[in-house]
Amino acid sequence: MAEQHRTPPGAPDVAAAAALWEAYAAAFPGVVAACPDHTVEHFGDSEELADELLDLVLAGGKRATSALVADFLAEGEPLPRVGSHWIACDGRGRPRLVLRSTELRIGTFGGVDATYAAQEGEGDLSLESWRREHRRYWTRTCAARGEPWSEDQEIVLERFAVVWPPEHADP
């Protein structure tokens, strides 16, 4: 299957992200004081994929995500920790949601189970779909960095909750 045209995602709107974070911090000062860490980013490697995955989060079906440890290293970013936040942007860089990490583990491709695959909320929710699409994604993103991908690479498996804005927050 040929890869579809991919538009690079837009740079995050830092000012709008700061405003979203400040609104969250004003509503939940204790939570933010306990864990003020946050990043501003998008899902995926294209505008289209960022929007598709964000839509799954907004619809309530996606509450987990996966990233290669090598991705964090390549970007000079620390690994997330339980309680840390990230502001999820759409494909054009507009901040839409504040997410909070609720569970993290480091695993490998073969260590992902059907329950986790379903919580990522993608494709037909099956482990087979998760493996096919993540294999395709990580092969593409590693190649873009000039590196090979293998099923033995460490993966950050992260579950999260949507915590802001109130109309989208998990109960």
C-alpha atoms as a PDB file:
ATOM      1  CA  MET A   1       0.000   0.000   0.000  1.00  0.00           C
ATOM      2  CA  ALA A   2       1.483   3.366  -1.011  1.00  0.00           C
ATOM      3  CA  GLU A   3       2.001   5.976   1.672  1.00  0.00           C
ATOM      4  CA  GLN A   4      -0.416   8.874   1.417  1.00  0.00           C
ATOM      5  CA  HIS A   5       0.836  12.436   1.083  1.00  0.00           C
ATOM      6  CA  ARG A   6       1.827  13.767   4.491  1.00  0.00           C
ATOM      7  CA  THR A   7       1.863  17.419   5.452  1.00  0.00           C
ATOM      8  CA  PRO A   8       4.343  18.162   8.239  1.00  0.00           C
ATOM      9  CA  PRO A   9       2.531  19.212  11.416  1.00  0.00           C
ATOM     10  CA  GLY A  10       2.458  22.886  12.275  1.00  0.00           C
ATOM     11  CA  ALA A  11       4.659  24.289  14.999  1.00  0.00           C
ATOM     12  CA  PRO A  12       2.808  24.565  18.312  1.00  0.00           C
ATOM     13  CA  ASP A  13       1.211  27.921  19.076  1.00  0.00           C
ATOM     14  CA  VAL A  14       3.226  28.561  22.219  1.00  0.00           C
ATOM     15  CA  ALA A  15       1.203  31.589  23.352  1.00  0.00           C
ATOM     16  CA  ALA A  16      -2.107  29.731  23.048  1.00  0.00           C
ATOM     17  CA  ALA A  17      -0.592  26.713  24.829  1.00  0.00           C
ATOM     18  CA  ALA A  18       0.541  28.967  27.684  1.00  0.00           C
ATOM     19  CA  ALA A  19      -2.983  30.377  27.980  1.00  0.00           C
ATOM     20  CA  LEU A  20      -4.501  26.868  28.048  1.00  0.00           C
ATOM     21  CA  TRP A  21      -1.976  25.800  30.699  1.00  0.00           C
ATOM     22  CA  GLU A  22      -2.652  28.894  32.823  1.00  0.00           C
ATOM     23  CA  ALA A  23      -6.395  28.227  32.750  1.00  0.00           C
ATOM     24  CA  TYR A  24      -5.796  24.627  33.855  1.00  0.00           C
ATOM     25  CA  ALA A  25      -3.337  25.730  36.548  1.00  0.00           C
ATOM     26  CA  ALA A  26      -5.838  28.280  37.897  1.00  0.00           C
ATOM     27  CA  ALA A  27      -8.524  25.586  38.151  1.00  0.00           C
ATOM     28  CA  PHE A  28      -6.218  22.929  39.655  1.00  0.00           C
ATOM     29  CA  PRO A  29      -3.373  24.725  41.423  1.00  0.00           C
ATOM     30  CA  GLY A  30      -2.600  21.816  43.740  1.00  0.00           C
ATOM     31  CA  VAL A  31      -2.252  19.313  40.898  1.00  0.00           C
ATOM     32  CA  VAL A  32      -0.002  21.665  38.963  1.00  0.00           C
ATOM     33  CA  ALA A  33       2.086  22.477  42.054  1.00  0.00           C
ATOM     34  CA  ALA A  34       2.576  18.755  42.685  1.00  0.00           C
ATOM     35  CA  CYS A  35       3.680  18.113  39.095  1.00  0.00           C
ATOM     36  CA  PRO A  36       4.328  21.261  37.059  1.00  0.00           C
ATOM     37  CA  ASP A  37       6.059  19.352  34.242  1.00  0.00           C
ATOM     38  CA  HIS A  38       4.400  19.733  30.872  1.00  0.00           C
ATOM     39  CA  THR A  39       5.253  19.596  27.206  1.00  0.00           C
ATOM     40  CA  VAL A  40       3.486  20.968  24.145  1.00  0.00           C
ATOM     41  CA  GLU A  41       3.256  18.541  21.249  1.00  0.00           C
ATOM     42  CA  HIS A  42       1.060  16.663  18.807  1.00  0.00           C
ATOM     43  CA  PHE A  43       0.380  13.037  18.044  1.00  0.00           C
ATOM     44  CA  GLY A  44       2.000  11.486  14.982  1.00  0.00           C
ATOM     45  CA  ASP A  45       4.333  12.789  12.313  1.00  0.00           C
ATOM     46  CA  SER A  46       1.953  14.656  10.024  1.00  0.00           C
ATOM     47  CA  GLU A  47      -0.845  17.183  10.161  1.00  0.00           C
ATOM     48  CA  GLU A  48      -3.283  14.530   9.028  1.00  0.00           C
ATOM     49  CA  LEU A  49      -2.228  11.931  11.597  1.00  0.00           C
ATOM     50  CA  ALA A  50      -2.138  14.503  14.405  1.00  0.00           C
ATOM     51  CA  ASP A  51      -5.732  15.472  13.641  1.00  0.00           C
ATOM     52  CA  GLU A  52      -6.900  11.873  13.256  1.00  0.00           C
ATOM     53  CA  LEU A  53      -5.437  10.804  16.607  1.00  0.00           C
ATOM     54  CA  LEU A  54      -6.600  13.936  18.418  1.00  0.00           C
ATOM     55  CA  ASP A  55     -10.124  13.281  17.116  1.00  0.00           C
ATOM     56  CA  LEU A  56      -9.950   9.787  18.666  1.00  0.00           C
ATOM     57  CA  VAL A  57      -8.997  11.349  22.005  1.00  0.00           C
ATOM     58  CA  LEU A  58     -11.809  13.908  21.751  1.00  0.00           C
ATOM     59  CA  ALA A  59     -14.295  11.129  20.960  1.00  0.00           C
ATOM     60  CA  GLY A  60     -13.174   9.264  24.092  1.00  0.00           C
ATOM     61  CA  GLY A  61     -11.763   6.139  22.476  1.00  0.00           C
ATOM     62  CA  LYS A  62      -8.044   6.861  22.777  1.00  0.00           C
ATOM     63  CA  ARG A  63      -6.524   6.906  26.260  1.00  0.00           C
ATOM     64  CA  ALA A  64      -3.089   5.455  25.541  1.00  0.00           C
ATOM     65  CA  THR A  65      -0.175   6.196  23.258  1.00  0.00           C
ATOM     66  CA  SER A  66       3.215   4.738  22.403  1.00  0.00           C
ATOM     67  CA  ALA A  67       6.541   6.307  21.508  1.00  0.00           C
ATOM     68  CA  LEU A  68      10.023   4.962  21.031  1.00  0.00           C
ATOM     69  CA  VAL A  69      12.501   5.779  23.761  1.00  0.00           C
ATOM     70  CA  ALA A  70      14.795   6.694  20.838  1.00  0.00           C
ATOM     71  CA  ASP A  71      12.314   9.437  19.831  1.00  0.00           C
ATOM     72  CA  PHE A  72      12.728  11.144  23.206  1.00  0.00           C
ATOM     73  CA  LEU A  73      16.502  10.837  22.966  1.00  0.00           C
ATOM     74  CA  ALA A  74      16.560  12.224  19.411  1.00  0.00           C
ATOM     75  CA  GLU A  75      14.485  15.232  20.502  1.00  0.00           C
ATOM     76  CA  GLY A  76      16.534  15.793  23.669  1.00  0.00           C
ATOM     77  CA  GLU A  77      13.416  15.333  25.802  1.00  0.00           C
ATOM     78  CA  PRO A  78      13.145  13.426  29.078  1.00  0.00           C
ATOM     79  CA  LEU A  79      10.754  10.515  29.299  1.00  0.00           C
ATOM     80  CA  PRO A  80       7.350  11.418  30.731  1.00  0.00           C
ATOM     81  CA  ARG A  81       6.553  10.452  34.303  1.00  0.00           C
ATOM     82  CA  VAL A  82       3.324   9.596  36.045  1.00  0.00           C
ATOM     83  CA  GLY A  83       1.542  12.851  36.822  1.00  0.00           C
ATOM     84  CA  SER A  84       3.279  14.872  34.127  1.00  0.00           C
ATOM     85  CA  HIS A  85       1.154  16.790  31.642  1.00  0.00           C
ATOM     86  CA  TRP A  86       1.223  17.471  27.975  1.00  0.00           C
ATOM     87  CA  ILE A  87      -0.714  19.897  25.888  1.00  0.00           C
ATOM     88  CA  ALA A  88      -1.946  18.095  22.795  1.00  0.00           C
ATOM     89  CA  CYS A  89      -2.069  20.226  19.660  1.00  0.00           C
ATOM     90  CA  ASP A  90      -3.896  19.592  16.435  1.00  0.00           C
ATOM     91  CA  GLY A  91      -2.057  19.222  13.142  1.00  0.00           C
ATOM     92  CA  ARG A  92      -1.780  22.973  12.653  1.00  0.00           C
ATOM     93  CA  GLY A  93      -0.263  23.483  16.090  1.00  0.00           C
ATOM     94  CA  ARG A  94      -3.347  24.763  17.906  1.00  0.00           C
ATOM     95  CA  PRO A  95      -3.425  23.518  21.505  1.00  0.00           C
ATOM     96  CA  ARG A  96      -6.639  21.642  22.223  1.00  0.00           C
ATOM     97  CA  LEU A  97      -6.315  19.494  25.358  1.00  0.00           C
ATOM     98  CA  VAL A  98      -4.271  19.043  28.497  1.00  0.00           C
ATOM     99  CA  LEU A  99      -3.468  15.378  29.088  1.00  0.00           C
ATOM    100  CA  ARG A 100      -2.030  13.883  32.267  1.00  0.00           C
ATOM    101  CA  SER A 101       0.049  10.700  32.323  1.00  0.00           C
ATOM    102  CA  THR A 102      -1.598   8.131  34.578  1.00  0.00           C
ATOM    103  CA  GLU A 103       0.511   5.061  33.873  1.00  0.00           C
ATOM    104  CA  LEU A 104       3.844   4.493  32.174  1.00  0.00           C
ATOM    105  CA  ARG A 105       5.949   1.489  31.409  1.00  0.00           C
ATOM    106  CA  ILE A 106       8.815   0.664  29.127  1.00  0.00           C
ATOM    107  CA  GLY A 107       8.261  -2.348  26.926  1.00  0.00           C
ATOM    108  CA  THR A 108       8.924  -3.784  23.528  1.00  0.00           C
ATOM    109  CA  PHE A 109       6.803  -4.268  20.451  1.00  0.00           C
ATOM    110  CA  GLY A 110       6.140  -7.917  21.285  1.00  0.00           C
ATOM    111  CA  GLY A 111       5.184  -7.054  24.858  1.00  0.00           C
ATOM    112  CA  VAL A 112       2.129  -5.009  23.884  1.00  0.00           C
ATOM    113  CA  ASP A 113      -1.097  -6.891  24.572  1.00  0.00           C
ATOM    114  CA  ALA A 114      -4.584  -6.676  23.102  1.00  0.00           C
ATOM    115  CA  THR A 115      -5.929  -4.607  26.012  1.00  0.00           C
ATOM    116  CA  TYR A 116      -3.307  -1.919  25.538  1.00  0.00           C
ATOM    117  CA  ALA A 117      -3.775  -1.938  21.757  1.00  0.00           C
ATOM    118  CA  ALA A 118      -7.511  -1.341  22.234  1.00  0.00           C
ATOM    119  CA  GLN A 119      -6.846   1.534  24.652  1.00  0.00           C
ATOM    120  CA  GLU A 120      -4.816   3.279  21.961  1.00  0.00           C
ATOM    121  CA  GLY A 121      -8.167   3.476  20.183  1.00  0.00           C
ATOM    122  CA  GLU A 122      -6.836   3.188  16.650  1.00  0.00           C
ATOM    123  CA  GLY A 123      -7.825   1.122  13.621  1.00  0.00           C
ATOM    124  CA  ASP A 124     -10.140  -1.745  14.469  1.00  0.00           C
ATOM    125  CA  LEU A 125      -8.789  -1.798  18.077  1.00  0.00           C
ATOM    126  CA  SER A 126      -7.135  -5.193  17.541  1.00  0.00           C
ATOM    127  CA  LEU A 127      -3.578  -6.117  18.453  1.00  0.00           C
ATOM    128  CA  GLU A 128      -2.972  -7.079  14.826  1.00  0.00           C
ATOM    129  CA  SER A 129      -4.013  -3.610  13.648  1.00  0.00           C
ATOM    130  CA  TRP A 130      -1.877  -1.971  16.356  1.00  0.00           C
ATOM    131  CA  ARG A 131       1.167  -3.978  15.282  1.00  0.00           C
ATOM    132  CA  ARG A 132       0.675  -3.332  11.571  1.00  0.00           C
ATOM    133  CA  GLU A 133       0.195   0.429  11.937  1.00  0.00           C
ATOM    134  CA  HIS A 134       2.912   0.976  14.567  1.00  0.00           C
ATOM    135  CA  ARG A 135       5.388  -1.104  12.562  1.00  0.00           C
ATOM    136  CA  ARG A 136       4.622   1.107   9.562  1.00  0.00           C
ATOM    137  CA  TYR A 137       4.833   4.320  11.612  1.00  0.00           C
ATOM    138  CA  TRP A 138       8.093   3.518  13.424  1.00  0.00           C
ATOM    139  CA  THR A 139       9.746   2.217  10.269  1.00  0.00           C
ATOM    140  CA  ARG A 140       8.887   5.542   8.586  1.00  0.00           C
ATOM    141  CA  THR A 141       9.893   7.808  11.476  1.00  0.00           C
ATOM    142  CA  CYS A 142      13.156   5.992  12.175  1.00  0.00           C
ATOM    143  CA  ALA A 143      14.030   6.085   8.466  1.00  0.00           C
ATOM    144  CA  ALA A 144      13.404   9.854   8.489  1.00  0.00           C
ATOM    145  CA  ARG A 145      16.115  10.086  11.191  1.00  0.00           C
ATOM    146  CA  GLY A 146      18.400   7.800   9.190  1.00  0.00           C
ATOM    147  CA  GLU A 147      18.052   4.946  11.668  1.00  0.00           C
ATOM    148  CA  PRO A 148      16.632   1.442  11.341  1.00  0.00           C
ATOM    149  CA  TRP A 149      13.678   0.336  13.429  1.00  0.00           C
ATOM    150  CA  SER A 150      13.466  -3.062  15.077  1.00  0.00           C
ATOM    151  CA  GLU A 151      10.883  -4.793  17.222  1.00  0.00           C
ATOM    152  CA  ASP A 152      13.460  -4.971  20.031  1.00  0.00           C
ATOM    153  CA  GLN A 153      13.601  -1.194  20.558  1.00  0.00           C
ATOM    154  CA  GLU A 154      12.273   0.123  23.846  1.00  0.00           C
ATOM    155  CA  ILE A 155       8.828   1.722  23.719  1.00  0.00           C
ATOM    156  CA  VAL A 156       7.245   4.114  26.208  1.00  0.00           C
ATOM    157  CA  LEU A 157       3.701   2.847  26.762  1.00  0.00           C
ATOM    158  CA  GLU A 158       1.667   5.657  28.277  1.00  0.00           C
ATOM    159  CA  ARG A 159      -1.894   5.776  29.514  1.00  0.00           C
ATOM    160  CA  PHE A 160      -3.363   9.224  30.054  1.00  0.00           C
ATOM    161  CA  ALA A 161      -6.462  11.115  31.107  1.00  0.00           C
ATOM    162  CA  VAL A 162      -7.883  14.226  29.496  1.00  0.00           C
ATOM    163  CA  VAL A 163      -7.923  16.839  32.268  1.00  0.00           C
ATOM    164  CA  TRP A 164      -8.670  20.137  30.475  1.00  0.00           C
ATOM    165  CA  PRO A 165     -10.729  21.917  29.182  1.00  0.00           C
ATOM    166  CA  PRO A 166     -13.713  20.926  31.331  1.00  0.00           C
ATOM    167  CA  GLU A 167     -16.000  20.106  28.406  1.00  0.00           C
ATOM    168  CA  HIS A 168     -13.554  17.393  27.288  1.00  0.00           C
ATOM    169  CA  ALA A 169     -12.150  16.268  30.654  1.00  0.00           C
ATOM    170  CA  ASP A 170     -12.576  12.675  31.735  1.00  0.00           C
ATOM    171  CA  PRO A 171     -14.949  12.206  34.681  1.00  0.00           C
END
